[in-house]
Structure formats: structure tokens, C-alpha cells
């Protein structure tokens, strides 16, 4: 029997999300206990026995999906004073068959969190994008190929901050990406880290 593809796993529950717009009950800022209950009951995440805050799905070696809720801020690891509250939730995807795109990551955000969070992301203001235009212009001036390994952006919405990143191989093809939802209070830390890479 063939397993459902990752696309089916992420798209099929969309009917549930649309009919249940308040579906997202556990988000950054809430207790880890509430997040664990939400993960266990979520029709798309449907964790295996023993999975609590990290859920992984693998259809083949070429397609993987994970969802992780963390008490730490995004970016470089720092000490968290409150270990009972979720600060960061990350969706990571790898698809060597169909490739990765920003649209797939946005669709995953909508399926997992519902329309309210998806709209917050869509209406969010872009704070930082990379590669920036000066890096692209410098590569053109040096007549070197403009192939950045990572493209991404930071956004801030009315409810949360968002970090989207897609990685490309040496041929410029994207197979992996992440969508991170986090507390707005952690935005400055992550922005500084990304600007100083």
C-alpha cells in the first residue's frame, strides 16, 4: 500500500481548517501543556506515539516534514527563563521530488494554523529580506553568478512575527525550506543575527 504523499497530508485537512477557522488553539505565547494537547489533537500533525513537541513525517527519503514547538527564541540558541511557554513554532519541509517554494510553505502555514494566522502572515510587514539588493548588485558587478544559498524574509504581523527561509543547492534548485511563527518580542534578536551572518 502506498503512503499518502506529503502534499496530500498537508492539503487534505484544508477542508477542516476552512470549516473551522478558529482551529489554531496553541500558538507561541501559550503554555507548552496547551501546545502538546493541540499537537496531539491536530488532524494534520497526527503525531506518532512518543512525539510531543517535535512531529516528523517521512514518505520517502526524498520527502520529509517536521513541526516543532520550542521554548527558545528563533535563531541562535539562548537561555529561556520561562520553560513553560512556547516562543517559537517551526514547520520544516524537504522535497527533492517536487522542489520547495514559498507557496508550499505558506500553504502549510494555512493548513496547520488556520485562516486567522494565515491572514496575519499575508498582511504582515516585511522587515528584512535576503539576499539584499546590494549583495545581488555586487555579484553582478563582479560578473559572478547570482546564486544565493539562502533566500528568506522576516515579517511582523499584528499577532506574530514570521521567518521564512528557502535553501537552494549549487544549481539554484530549492528542495528545503522552513516557516517559523514566533513572538514579536523576539524579532529584534533574530533580525540582528540574520543581518550579521
N, C-alpha and C. Protein backbone atom coordinates (compact mmCIF):
# COMPACT_ATOMS: atom_id res chain seq x y z
N UNK A 1 0.83 -1.18 0.00
CA UNK A 1 0.00 0.00 0.00
C UNK A 1 0.88 1.25 0.00
N UNK A 2 0.56 2.22 -0.83
CA UNK A 2 1.35 3.44 -0.94
C UNK A 2 0.88 4.44 0.12
N UNK A 3 1.85 5.03 0.82
CA UNK A 3 1.52 6.04 1.82
C UNK A 3 1.04 7.31 1.13
N UNK A 4 0.28 8.14 1.88
CA UNK A 4 -0.11 9.43 1.35
C UNK A 4 1.13 10.28 1.14
N UNK A 5 1.13 11.07 0.08
CA UNK A 5 2.26 11.97 -0.13
C UNK A 5 2.17 13.12 0.87
N UNK A 6 3.27 13.81 1.08
CA UNK A 6 3.26 14.95 1.99
C UNK A 6 2.26 15.99 1.53
N UNK A 7 2.14 16.15 0.21
CA UNK A 7 1.18 17.12 -0.31
C UNK A 7 -0.23 16.75 0.13
N UNK A 8 -0.58 15.46 0.05
CA UNK A 8 -1.90 15.04 0.49
C UNK A 8 -2.08 15.26 1.98
N UNK A 9 -1.05 14.97 2.75
CA UNK A 9 -1.13 15.15 4.20
C UNK A 9 -1.39 16.60 4.55
N UNK A 10 -0.78 17.53 3.80
CA UNK A 10 -0.93 18.94 4.11
C UNK A 10 -2.16 19.57 3.48
N UNK A 11 -2.62 19.07 2.34
CA UNK A 11 -3.73 19.70 1.64
C UNK A 11 -5.08 19.12 2.05
N UNK A 12 -5.19 17.82 2.23
CA UNK A 12 -6.49 17.22 2.52
C UNK A 12 -7.18 17.80 3.76
N UNK A 13 -6.45 18.09 4.85
CA UNK A 13 -7.12 18.64 6.01
C UNK A 13 -7.55 20.09 5.84
N UNK A 14 -7.28 20.69 4.67
CA UNK A 14 -7.66 22.07 4.44
C UNK A 14 -9.16 22.27 4.62
N UNK A 15 -9.97 21.29 4.24
CA UNK A 15 -11.42 21.40 4.42
C UNK A 15 -11.75 21.57 5.89
N UNK A 16 -11.03 20.87 6.77
CA UNK A 16 -11.24 21.01 8.21
C UNK A 16 -10.92 22.42 8.65
N UNK A 17 -9.80 22.97 8.17
CA UNK A 17 -9.38 24.30 8.58
C UNK A 17 -10.38 25.35 8.10
N UNK A 18 -10.82 25.23 6.85
CA UNK A 18 -11.75 26.21 6.30
C UNK A 18 -13.09 26.16 7.04
N UNK A 19 -13.55 24.96 7.38
CA UNK A 19 -14.82 24.86 8.08
C UNK A 19 -14.66 25.18 9.56
N UNK A 20 -13.43 25.33 10.04
CA UNK A 20 -13.17 25.54 11.44
C UNK A 20 -12.13 26.66 11.58
N UNK A 21 -12.48 27.93 11.21
CA UNK A 21 -11.48 28.98 11.13
C UNK A 21 -10.78 29.27 12.45
N UNK A 22 -11.34 28.90 13.57
CA UNK A 22 -10.68 29.12 14.85
C UNK A 22 -9.87 27.91 15.26
N UNK A 23 -9.44 27.08 14.30
CA UNK A 23 -8.80 25.81 14.59
C UNK A 23 -7.51 25.96 15.39
N UNK A 24 -6.74 27.00 15.16
CA UNK A 24 -5.47 27.13 15.86
C UNK A 24 -5.74 27.56 17.30
N UNK A 25 -5.42 26.70 18.23
CA UNK A 25 -5.63 26.99 19.64
C UNK A 25 -4.32 27.11 20.40
N UNK A 26 -3.24 26.58 19.86
CA UNK A 26 -1.95 26.64 20.54
C UNK A 26 -0.95 27.34 19.65
N UNK A 27 -0.48 28.47 20.12
CA UNK A 27 0.44 29.29 19.35
C UNK A 27 1.51 29.83 20.27
N UNK A 28 2.57 30.40 19.71
CA UNK A 28 3.60 31.00 20.57
C UNK A 28 2.97 31.93 21.60
N UNK A 29 3.46 31.81 22.82
CA UNK A 29 2.92 32.59 23.92
C UNK A 29 2.06 31.76 24.85
N UNK A 30 1.61 30.61 24.39
CA UNK A 30 0.77 29.76 25.22
C UNK A 30 1.60 28.72 25.95
N UNK A 31 0.99 28.06 26.91
CA UNK A 31 1.72 27.08 27.71
C UNK A 31 2.09 25.87 26.86
N UNK A 32 3.20 25.25 27.21
CA UNK A 32 3.63 24.05 26.49
C UNK A 32 2.62 22.92 26.69
N UNK A 33 1.92 22.92 27.80
CA UNK A 33 0.88 21.92 28.02
C UNK A 33 -0.24 22.08 26.99
N UNK A 34 -0.67 23.32 26.77
CA UNK A 34 -1.71 23.58 25.75
C UNK A 34 -1.21 23.22 24.36
N UNK A 35 0.06 23.53 24.08
CA UNK A 35 0.64 23.21 22.77
C UNK A 35 0.67 21.70 22.57
N UNK A 36 1.05 20.96 23.59
CA UNK A 36 1.11 19.50 23.47
C UNK A 36 -0.28 18.91 23.20
N UNK A 37 -1.29 19.40 23.91
CA UNK A 37 -2.66 18.92 23.70
C UNK A 37 -3.11 19.23 22.27
N UNK A 38 -2.81 20.44 21.79
CA UNK A 38 -3.18 20.85 20.44
C UNK A 38 -2.50 19.98 19.39
N UNK A 39 -1.19 19.72 19.57
CA UNK A 39 -0.46 18.88 18.63
C UNK A 39 -1.07 17.49 18.58
N UNK A 40 -1.37 16.92 19.74
CA UNK A 40 -1.92 15.56 19.79
C UNK A 40 -3.27 15.47 19.08
N UNK A 41 -4.06 16.53 19.13
CA UNK A 41 -5.40 16.50 18.54
C UNK A 41 -5.45 17.01 17.10
N UNK A 42 -4.36 17.56 16.61
CA UNK A 42 -4.37 18.19 15.28
C UNK A 42 -4.47 17.13 14.18
N UNK A 43 -5.45 17.25 13.27
CA UNK A 43 -5.65 16.23 12.24
C UNK A 43 -4.52 16.15 11.21
N UNK A 44 -3.79 17.22 11.00
CA UNK A 44 -2.68 17.18 10.04
C UNK A 44 -1.40 16.70 10.70
N UNK A 45 -1.11 17.18 11.89
CA UNK A 45 0.12 16.80 12.57
C UNK A 45 0.09 15.34 13.00
N UNK A 46 -1.05 14.88 13.52
CA UNK A 46 -1.25 13.50 13.99
C UNK A 46 0.06 12.80 14.39
N UNK A 47 0.62 13.19 15.53
CA UNK A 47 1.91 12.64 15.95
C UNK A 47 1.84 11.15 16.26
N UNK A 48 2.99 10.50 16.11
CA UNK A 48 3.11 9.10 16.49
C UNK A 48 3.27 9.01 18.00
N UNK A 49 3.13 7.84 18.52
CA UNK A 49 3.32 7.61 19.94
C UNK A 49 4.71 8.08 20.37
N UNK A 50 4.76 8.86 21.42
CA UNK A 50 6.03 9.37 21.92
C UNK A 50 6.41 10.74 21.38
N UNK A 51 5.77 11.20 20.32
CA UNK A 51 6.07 12.53 19.79
C UNK A 51 5.27 13.57 20.58
N UNK A 52 5.97 14.54 21.13
CA UNK A 52 5.31 15.57 21.93
C UNK A 52 5.39 16.94 21.26
N UNK A 53 6.60 17.49 21.20
CA UNK A 53 6.79 18.83 20.66
C UNK A 53 7.51 18.83 19.32
N UNK A 54 7.93 17.66 18.88
CA UNK A 54 8.54 17.50 17.57
C UNK A 54 7.82 16.37 16.85
N UNK A 55 7.18 16.71 15.73
CA UNK A 55 6.45 15.74 14.92
C UNK A 55 7.16 15.63 13.59
N UNK A 56 7.48 14.40 13.17
CA UNK A 56 8.14 14.21 11.88
C UNK A 56 7.33 13.26 11.02
N UNK A 57 7.35 13.53 9.73
CA UNK A 57 6.68 12.67 8.75
C UNK A 57 7.64 12.46 7.59
N UNK A 58 7.76 11.21 7.16
CA UNK A 58 8.63 10.88 6.04
C UNK A 58 7.90 9.92 5.12
N UNK A 59 7.65 10.35 3.88
CA UNK A 59 7.05 9.44 2.90
C UNK A 59 8.13 8.60 2.24
N UNK A 60 9.17 9.25 1.82
CA UNK A 60 10.34 8.58 1.23
C UNK A 60 11.55 9.35 1.72
N UNK A 61 12.72 8.86 1.37
CA UNK A 61 13.93 9.61 1.75
C UNK A 61 13.96 10.97 1.07
N UNK A 62 13.17 11.13 0.03
CA UNK A 62 13.18 12.38 -0.74
C UNK A 62 12.12 13.37 -0.27
N UNK A 63 11.26 13.01 0.68
CA UNK A 63 10.21 13.91 1.15
C UNK A 63 10.08 13.79 2.66
N UNK A 64 10.30 14.94 3.34
CA UNK A 64 10.19 14.96 4.80
C UNK A 64 9.47 16.22 5.25
N UNK A 65 8.81 16.12 6.40
CA UNK A 65 8.09 17.23 7.00
C UNK A 65 8.30 17.15 8.50
N UNK A 66 8.47 18.31 9.15
CA UNK A 66 8.52 18.31 10.62
C UNK A 66 7.87 19.58 11.15
N UNK A 67 7.33 19.44 12.35
CA UNK A 67 6.76 20.57 13.08
C UNK A 67 7.37 20.52 14.47
N UNK A 68 7.86 21.66 14.95
CA UNK A 68 8.47 21.68 16.27
C UNK A 68 8.05 22.93 17.03
N UNK A 69 7.63 22.74 18.27
CA UNK A 69 7.32 23.84 19.19
C UNK A 69 8.46 23.93 20.20
N UNK A 70 8.94 25.15 20.46
CA UNK A 70 10.11 25.33 21.31
C UNK A 70 9.90 26.46 22.32
N UNK A 71 10.60 26.36 23.45
CA UNK A 71 10.55 27.40 24.47
C UNK A 71 11.60 28.47 24.21
N UNK A 72 12.48 28.24 23.26
CA UNK A 72 13.56 29.19 22.95
C UNK A 72 13.15 30.11 21.81
N UNK A 73 13.86 31.24 21.74
CA UNK A 73 13.64 32.19 20.64
C UNK A 73 14.23 31.61 19.37
N UNK A 74 13.76 32.04 18.19
CA UNK A 74 14.34 31.54 16.94
C UNK A 74 15.76 32.06 16.75
N UNK A 75 16.52 31.37 15.91
CA UNK A 75 17.89 31.79 15.64
C UNK A 75 18.86 31.09 16.57
N UNK A 76 19.93 31.79 16.92
CA UNK A 76 20.95 31.21 17.80
C UNK A 76 20.33 30.87 19.15
N UNK A 77 20.73 29.74 19.68
CA UNK A 77 20.18 29.25 20.94
C UNK A 77 20.57 30.16 22.09
N UNK A 78 19.57 30.55 22.86
CA UNK A 78 19.79 31.37 24.05
C UNK A 78 19.02 30.74 25.20
N UNK A 79 19.40 31.11 26.41
CA UNK A 79 18.74 30.58 27.59
C UNK A 79 17.34 31.16 27.69
N UNK A 80 16.37 30.31 27.99
CA UNK A 80 14.98 30.76 28.16
C UNK A 80 14.62 30.71 29.64
N UNK A 81 14.18 31.85 30.17
CA UNK A 81 13.80 31.91 31.58
C UNK A 81 12.47 31.21 31.84
N UNK A 82 11.59 31.23 30.86
CA UNK A 82 10.27 30.61 31.04
C UNK A 82 10.22 29.34 30.19
N UNK A 83 10.38 28.20 30.82
CA UNK A 83 10.41 26.93 30.11
C UNK A 83 9.02 26.31 29.98
N UNK A 84 8.00 27.05 30.38
CA UNK A 84 6.63 26.54 30.31
C UNK A 84 5.80 27.21 29.22
N UNK A 85 6.44 28.06 28.41
CA UNK A 85 5.70 28.81 27.41
C UNK A 85 6.37 28.64 26.04
N UNK A 86 5.56 28.40 25.04
CA UNK A 86 6.06 28.27 23.67
C UNK A 86 6.42 29.66 23.14
N UNK A 87 7.61 29.78 22.55
CA UNK A 87 8.03 31.04 21.94
C UNK A 87 8.17 30.92 20.44
N UNK A 88 8.48 29.71 19.96
CA UNK A 88 8.77 29.50 18.55
C UNK A 88 8.14 28.21 18.08
N UNK A 89 7.49 28.23 16.91
CA UNK A 89 6.96 27.02 16.29
C UNK A 89 7.40 27.01 14.83
N UNK A 90 8.05 25.91 14.43
CA UNK A 90 8.66 25.86 13.11
C UNK A 90 8.14 24.69 12.28
N UNK A 91 7.80 25.00 11.04
CA UNK A 91 7.44 24.00 10.03
C UNK A 91 8.65 23.87 9.11
N UNK A 92 9.18 22.66 8.95
CA UNK A 92 10.31 22.42 8.04
C UNK A 92 9.90 21.38 7.02
N UNK A 93 10.27 21.61 5.77
CA UNK A 93 9.92 20.69 4.70
C UNK A 93 11.12 20.45 3.78
N UNK A 94 11.21 19.22 3.29
CA UNK A 94 12.22 18.85 2.31
C UNK A 94 11.52 18.03 1.24
N UNK A 95 11.66 18.43 -0.02
CA UNK A 95 11.02 17.72 -1.11
C UNK A 95 11.95 17.72 -2.32
N UNK A 96 12.70 16.63 -2.48
CA UNK A 96 13.63 16.51 -3.59
C UNK A 96 12.92 16.08 -4.87
N UNK A 97 11.65 15.70 -4.78
CA UNK A 97 10.90 15.26 -5.96
C UNK A 97 10.25 16.46 -6.66
N UNK A 98 9.50 17.24 -5.90
CA UNK A 98 8.75 18.37 -6.47
C UNK A 98 9.40 19.72 -6.23
N UNK A 99 10.44 19.77 -5.38
CA UNK A 99 11.07 21.04 -5.07
C UNK A 99 10.33 21.77 -3.97
N UNK A 100 10.92 22.85 -3.52
CA UNK A 100 10.35 23.65 -2.43
C UNK A 100 10.09 25.06 -2.94
N UNK A 101 9.05 25.69 -2.40
CA UNK A 101 8.74 27.06 -2.79
C UNK A 101 8.10 27.78 -1.61
N UNK A 102 8.09 29.09 -1.71
CA UNK A 102 7.43 29.90 -0.70
C UNK A 102 5.94 29.57 -0.64
N UNK A 103 5.34 29.30 -1.80
CA UNK A 103 3.91 28.97 -1.83
C UNK A 103 3.60 27.70 -1.03
N UNK A 104 4.46 26.69 -1.10
CA UNK A 104 4.23 25.46 -0.33
C UNK A 104 4.32 25.74 1.16
N UNK A 105 5.26 26.58 1.56
CA UNK A 105 5.40 26.92 2.97
C UNK A 105 4.19 27.72 3.47
N UNK A 106 3.72 28.65 2.64
CA UNK A 106 2.53 29.43 3.02
C UNK A 106 1.31 28.54 3.13
N UNK A 107 1.16 27.59 2.23
CA UNK A 107 0.03 26.66 2.28
C UNK A 107 0.10 25.81 3.55
N UNK A 108 1.30 25.39 3.93
CA UNK A 108 1.47 24.62 5.16
C UNK A 108 1.06 25.45 6.37
N UNK A 109 1.43 26.72 6.37
CA UNK A 109 1.03 27.62 7.46
C UNK A 109 -0.48 27.68 7.56
N UNK A 110 -1.16 27.81 6.42
CA UNK A 110 -2.62 27.91 6.43
C UNK A 110 -3.27 26.62 6.90
N UNK A 111 -2.75 25.48 6.45
CA UNK A 111 -3.34 24.20 6.83
C UNK A 111 -3.16 23.93 8.32
N UNK A 112 -1.99 24.23 8.84
CA UNK A 112 -1.71 23.91 10.24
C UNK A 112 -2.34 24.91 11.20
N UNK A 113 -2.30 26.20 10.88
CA UNK A 113 -2.76 27.21 11.83
C UNK A 113 -4.14 27.79 11.55
N UNK A 114 -4.64 27.63 10.36
CA UNK A 114 -5.95 28.20 10.04
C UNK A 114 -5.85 29.56 9.38
N UNK A 115 -7.02 30.07 9.00
CA UNK A 115 -7.07 31.29 8.20
C UNK A 115 -6.67 32.55 8.96
N UNK A 116 -6.93 32.61 10.27
CA UNK A 116 -6.58 33.81 11.04
C UNK A 116 -5.08 34.07 11.01
N UNK A 117 -4.30 33.05 11.29
CA UNK A 117 -2.84 33.21 11.30
C UNK A 117 -2.33 33.42 9.88
N UNK A 118 -2.91 32.70 8.92
CA UNK A 118 -2.51 32.87 7.53
C UNK A 118 -2.73 34.32 7.07
N UNK A 119 -3.86 34.91 7.43
CA UNK A 119 -4.14 36.31 7.07
C UNK A 119 -3.18 37.25 7.79
N UNK A 120 -2.85 36.94 9.05
CA UNK A 120 -1.89 37.76 9.78
C UNK A 120 -0.55 37.76 9.05
N UNK A 121 -0.13 36.57 8.57
CA UNK A 121 1.11 36.47 7.80
C UNK A 121 1.01 37.27 6.49
N UNK A 122 -0.08 37.09 5.75
CA UNK A 122 -0.22 37.78 4.46
C UNK A 122 -0.22 39.30 4.62
N UNK A 123 -0.80 39.79 5.70
CA UNK A 123 -0.87 41.23 5.93
C UNK A 123 0.34 41.78 6.67
N UNK A 124 1.26 40.90 7.05
CA UNK A 124 2.43 41.30 7.84
C UNK A 124 3.37 42.16 7.01
N UNK A 125 4.06 43.04 7.69
CA UNK A 125 5.02 43.95 7.05
C UNK A 125 6.38 43.26 6.97
N UNK A 126 7.01 43.33 5.79
CA UNK A 126 8.34 42.75 5.61
C UNK A 126 9.36 43.67 6.29
N UNK A 127 10.14 43.10 7.21
CA UNK A 127 11.15 43.84 7.96
C UNK A 127 12.53 43.69 7.32
N UNK A 128 12.82 42.50 6.83
CA UNK A 128 14.14 42.22 6.27
C UNK A 128 14.03 41.09 5.25
N UNK A 129 14.70 41.26 4.10
CA UNK A 129 14.76 40.22 3.07
C UNK A 129 16.21 39.94 2.73
N UNK A 130 16.49 38.71 2.40
CA UNK A 130 17.83 38.36 1.96
C UNK A 130 17.75 37.34 0.84
N UNK A 131 18.68 37.34 -0.12
CA UNK A 131 19.80 38.26 -0.17
C UNK A 131 19.32 39.68 -0.45
N UNK A 132 20.05 40.68 0.04
CA UNK A 132 19.63 42.05 -0.19
C UNK A 132 20.13 42.53 -1.55
N UNK A 133 19.61 43.63 -1.99
CA UNK A 133 19.91 44.12 -3.34
C UNK A 133 21.38 44.45 -3.51
N UNK A 134 22.06 44.93 -2.46
CA UNK A 134 23.48 45.29 -2.61
C UNK A 134 24.33 44.04 -2.86
N UNK A 135 23.99 42.91 -2.23
CA UNK A 135 24.73 41.66 -2.47
C UNK A 135 24.51 41.18 -3.90
N UNK A 136 23.29 41.31 -4.39
CA UNK A 136 22.98 40.90 -5.76
C UNK A 136 23.72 41.80 -6.75
N UNK A 137 23.72 43.12 -6.50
CA UNK A 137 24.42 44.06 -7.39
C UNK A 137 25.92 43.81 -7.39
N UNK A 138 26.50 43.52 -6.22
CA UNK A 138 27.94 43.26 -6.12
C UNK A 138 28.31 42.02 -6.93
N UNK A 139 27.48 40.98 -6.87
CA UNK A 139 27.74 39.75 -7.64
C UNK A 139 27.65 40.04 -9.13
N UNK A 140 26.69 40.85 -9.53
CA UNK A 140 26.57 41.20 -10.96
C UNK A 140 27.76 42.02 -11.43
N UNK A 141 28.19 42.97 -10.60
CA UNK A 141 29.34 43.81 -10.94
C UNK A 141 30.60 42.96 -11.09
N UNK A 142 30.75 41.96 -10.23
CA UNK A 142 31.92 41.07 -10.29
C UNK A 142 31.76 40.01 -11.37
N UNK A 143 30.60 40.03 -12.04
CA UNK A 143 30.29 39.07 -13.10
C UNK A 143 30.38 37.62 -12.62
N UNK A 144 29.89 37.42 -11.42
CA UNK A 144 29.79 36.07 -10.87
C UNK A 144 28.32 35.69 -10.85
N UNK A 145 28.01 34.40 -10.93
CA UNK A 145 26.60 34.00 -10.92
C UNK A 145 25.93 34.41 -9.61
N UNK A 146 24.71 34.89 -9.73
CA UNK A 146 23.96 35.27 -8.53
C UNK A 146 23.21 34.03 -8.06
N UNK A 147 23.87 33.26 -7.23
CA UNK A 147 23.26 32.04 -6.67
C UNK A 147 23.41 32.09 -5.18
N UNK A 148 22.43 32.57 -4.51
CA UNK A 148 22.47 32.62 -3.06
C UNK A 148 21.95 31.31 -2.51
N UNK A 149 22.63 30.78 -1.52
CA UNK A 149 22.22 29.51 -0.93
C UNK A 149 20.92 29.66 -0.16
N UNK A 150 20.71 30.81 0.45
CA UNK A 150 19.50 31.03 1.25
C UNK A 150 18.78 32.29 0.79
N UNK A 151 17.47 32.17 0.64
CA UNK A 151 16.63 33.34 0.43
C UNK A 151 15.59 33.32 1.53
N UNK A 152 15.27 34.48 2.04
CA UNK A 152 14.30 34.49 3.12
C UNK A 152 13.81 35.88 3.44
N UNK A 153 12.92 35.92 4.42
CA UNK A 153 12.38 37.19 4.86
C UNK A 153 11.87 37.08 6.29
N UNK A 154 11.88 38.23 6.95
CA UNK A 154 11.26 38.38 8.27
C UNK A 154 10.07 39.29 8.10
N UNK A 155 8.96 38.92 8.72
CA UNK A 155 7.76 39.74 8.67
C UNK A 155 7.22 39.92 10.08
N UNK A 156 6.52 41.02 10.29
CA UNK A 156 5.85 41.22 11.57
C UNK A 156 4.38 41.56 11.27
N UNK A 157 3.51 40.76 11.88
CA UNK A 157 2.08 40.96 11.74
C UNK A 157 1.50 41.58 12.99
N UNK A 158 0.19 41.66 13.07
CA UNK A 158 -0.43 42.23 14.26
C UNK A 158 -0.37 41.26 15.43
N UNK A 159 -0.27 39.95 15.15
CA UNK A 159 -0.25 38.95 16.21
C UNK A 159 1.12 38.33 16.44
N UNK A 160 1.82 37.98 15.36
CA UNK A 160 3.07 37.24 15.46
C UNK A 160 4.10 37.77 14.48
N UNK A 161 5.33 37.27 14.65
CA UNK A 161 6.39 37.53 13.69
C UNK A 161 6.62 36.22 12.92
N UNK A 162 7.14 36.34 11.70
CA UNK A 162 7.30 35.18 10.81
C UNK A 162 8.67 35.23 10.16
N UNK A 163 9.29 34.06 10.08
CA UNK A 163 10.57 33.92 9.39
C UNK A 163 10.42 32.80 8.37
N UNK A 164 10.62 33.14 7.10
CA UNK A 164 10.52 32.16 6.02
C UNK A 164 11.89 32.07 5.37
N UNK A 165 12.33 30.83 5.13
CA UNK A 165 13.64 30.65 4.51
C UNK A 165 13.59 29.44 3.59
N UNK A 166 14.15 29.60 2.39
CA UNK A 166 14.25 28.52 1.41
C UNK A 166 15.72 28.38 1.03
N UNK A 167 16.22 27.14 1.06
CA UNK A 167 17.63 26.88 0.72
C UNK A 167 17.72 26.28 -0.68
N UNK A 168 18.73 26.72 -1.41
CA UNK A 168 18.96 26.23 -2.77
C UNK A 168 20.27 25.47 -2.83
N UNK A 169 20.34 24.51 -3.76
CA UNK A 169 21.60 23.79 -3.95
C UNK A 169 22.50 24.59 -4.89
N UNK A 170 23.66 24.06 -5.24
CA UNK A 170 24.63 24.79 -6.07
C UNK A 170 24.11 25.06 -7.47
N UNK A 171 23.06 24.34 -7.89
CA UNK A 171 22.47 24.58 -9.21
C UNK A 171 21.30 25.55 -9.15
N UNK A 172 21.03 26.10 -7.96
CA UNK A 172 19.96 27.06 -7.82
C UNK A 172 18.59 26.44 -7.63
N UNK A 173 18.52 25.12 -7.37
CA UNK A 173 17.23 24.45 -7.16
C UNK A 173 16.93 24.38 -5.67
N UNK A 174 15.69 24.68 -5.31
CA UNK A 174 15.29 24.68 -3.90
C UNK A 174 14.57 23.38 -3.56
N UNK A 175 15.04 22.72 -2.52
CA UNK A 175 14.42 21.48 -2.06
C UNK A 175 14.01 21.53 -0.60
N UNK A 176 14.48 22.51 0.14
CA UNK A 176 14.18 22.57 1.57
C UNK A 176 13.81 23.98 1.99
N UNK A 177 12.94 24.07 3.00
CA UNK A 177 12.52 25.37 3.50
C UNK A 177 11.90 25.28 4.87
N UNK A 178 11.73 26.44 5.49
CA UNK A 178 11.11 26.48 6.80
C UNK A 178 10.22 27.71 6.93
N UNK A 179 9.18 27.58 7.73
CA UNK A 179 8.29 28.68 8.07
C UNK A 179 8.22 28.69 9.59
N UNK A 180 8.64 29.80 10.20
CA UNK A 180 8.69 29.88 11.65
C UNK A 180 7.74 30.97 12.12
N UNK A 181 6.90 30.63 13.09
CA UNK A 181 5.98 31.57 13.74
C UNK A 181 6.54 31.81 15.13
N UNK A 182 6.72 33.07 15.51
CA UNK A 182 7.32 33.33 16.82
C UNK A 182 6.80 34.63 17.43
N UNK A 183 7.15 34.83 18.71
CA UNK A 183 6.71 36.01 19.44
C UNK A 183 7.36 37.26 18.86
N UNK A 184 6.60 38.34 18.76
CA UNK A 184 7.13 39.58 18.21
C UNK A 184 8.25 40.14 19.08
N UNK A 185 8.25 39.81 20.36
CA UNK A 185 9.30 40.30 21.26
C UNK A 185 10.67 39.73 20.90
N UNK A 186 10.73 38.66 20.11
CA UNK A 186 12.00 38.06 19.70
C UNK A 186 12.46 38.51 18.32
N UNK A 187 11.73 39.43 17.71
CA UNK A 187 12.03 39.86 16.34
C UNK A 187 13.39 40.56 16.23
N UNK A 188 13.69 41.48 17.15
CA UNK A 188 14.94 42.24 17.07
C UNK A 188 16.15 41.32 17.16
N UNK A 189 16.10 40.34 18.05
CA UNK A 189 17.20 39.38 18.21
C UNK A 189 17.48 38.65 16.90
N UNK A 190 16.42 38.11 16.28
CA UNK A 190 16.60 37.34 15.06
C UNK A 190 17.03 38.23 13.91
N UNK A 191 16.46 39.42 13.80
CA UNK A 191 16.85 40.33 12.72
C UNK A 191 18.34 40.68 12.80
N UNK A 192 18.83 40.96 13.99
CA UNK A 192 20.25 41.28 14.17
C UNK A 192 21.13 40.10 13.75
N UNK A 193 20.74 38.89 14.14
CA UNK A 193 21.52 37.71 13.78
C UNK A 193 21.56 37.50 12.27
N UNK A 194 20.43 37.68 11.61
CA UNK A 194 20.38 37.47 10.16
C UNK A 194 21.18 38.55 9.43
N UNK A 195 21.10 39.77 9.87
CA UNK A 195 21.84 40.86 9.22
C UNK A 195 23.35 40.70 9.39
N UNK A 196 23.77 40.04 10.47
CA UNK A 196 25.21 39.88 10.75
C UNK A 196 25.76 38.54 10.33
N UNK A 197 25.03 37.79 9.52
CA UNK A 197 25.53 36.48 9.03
C UNK A 197 26.78 36.66 8.22
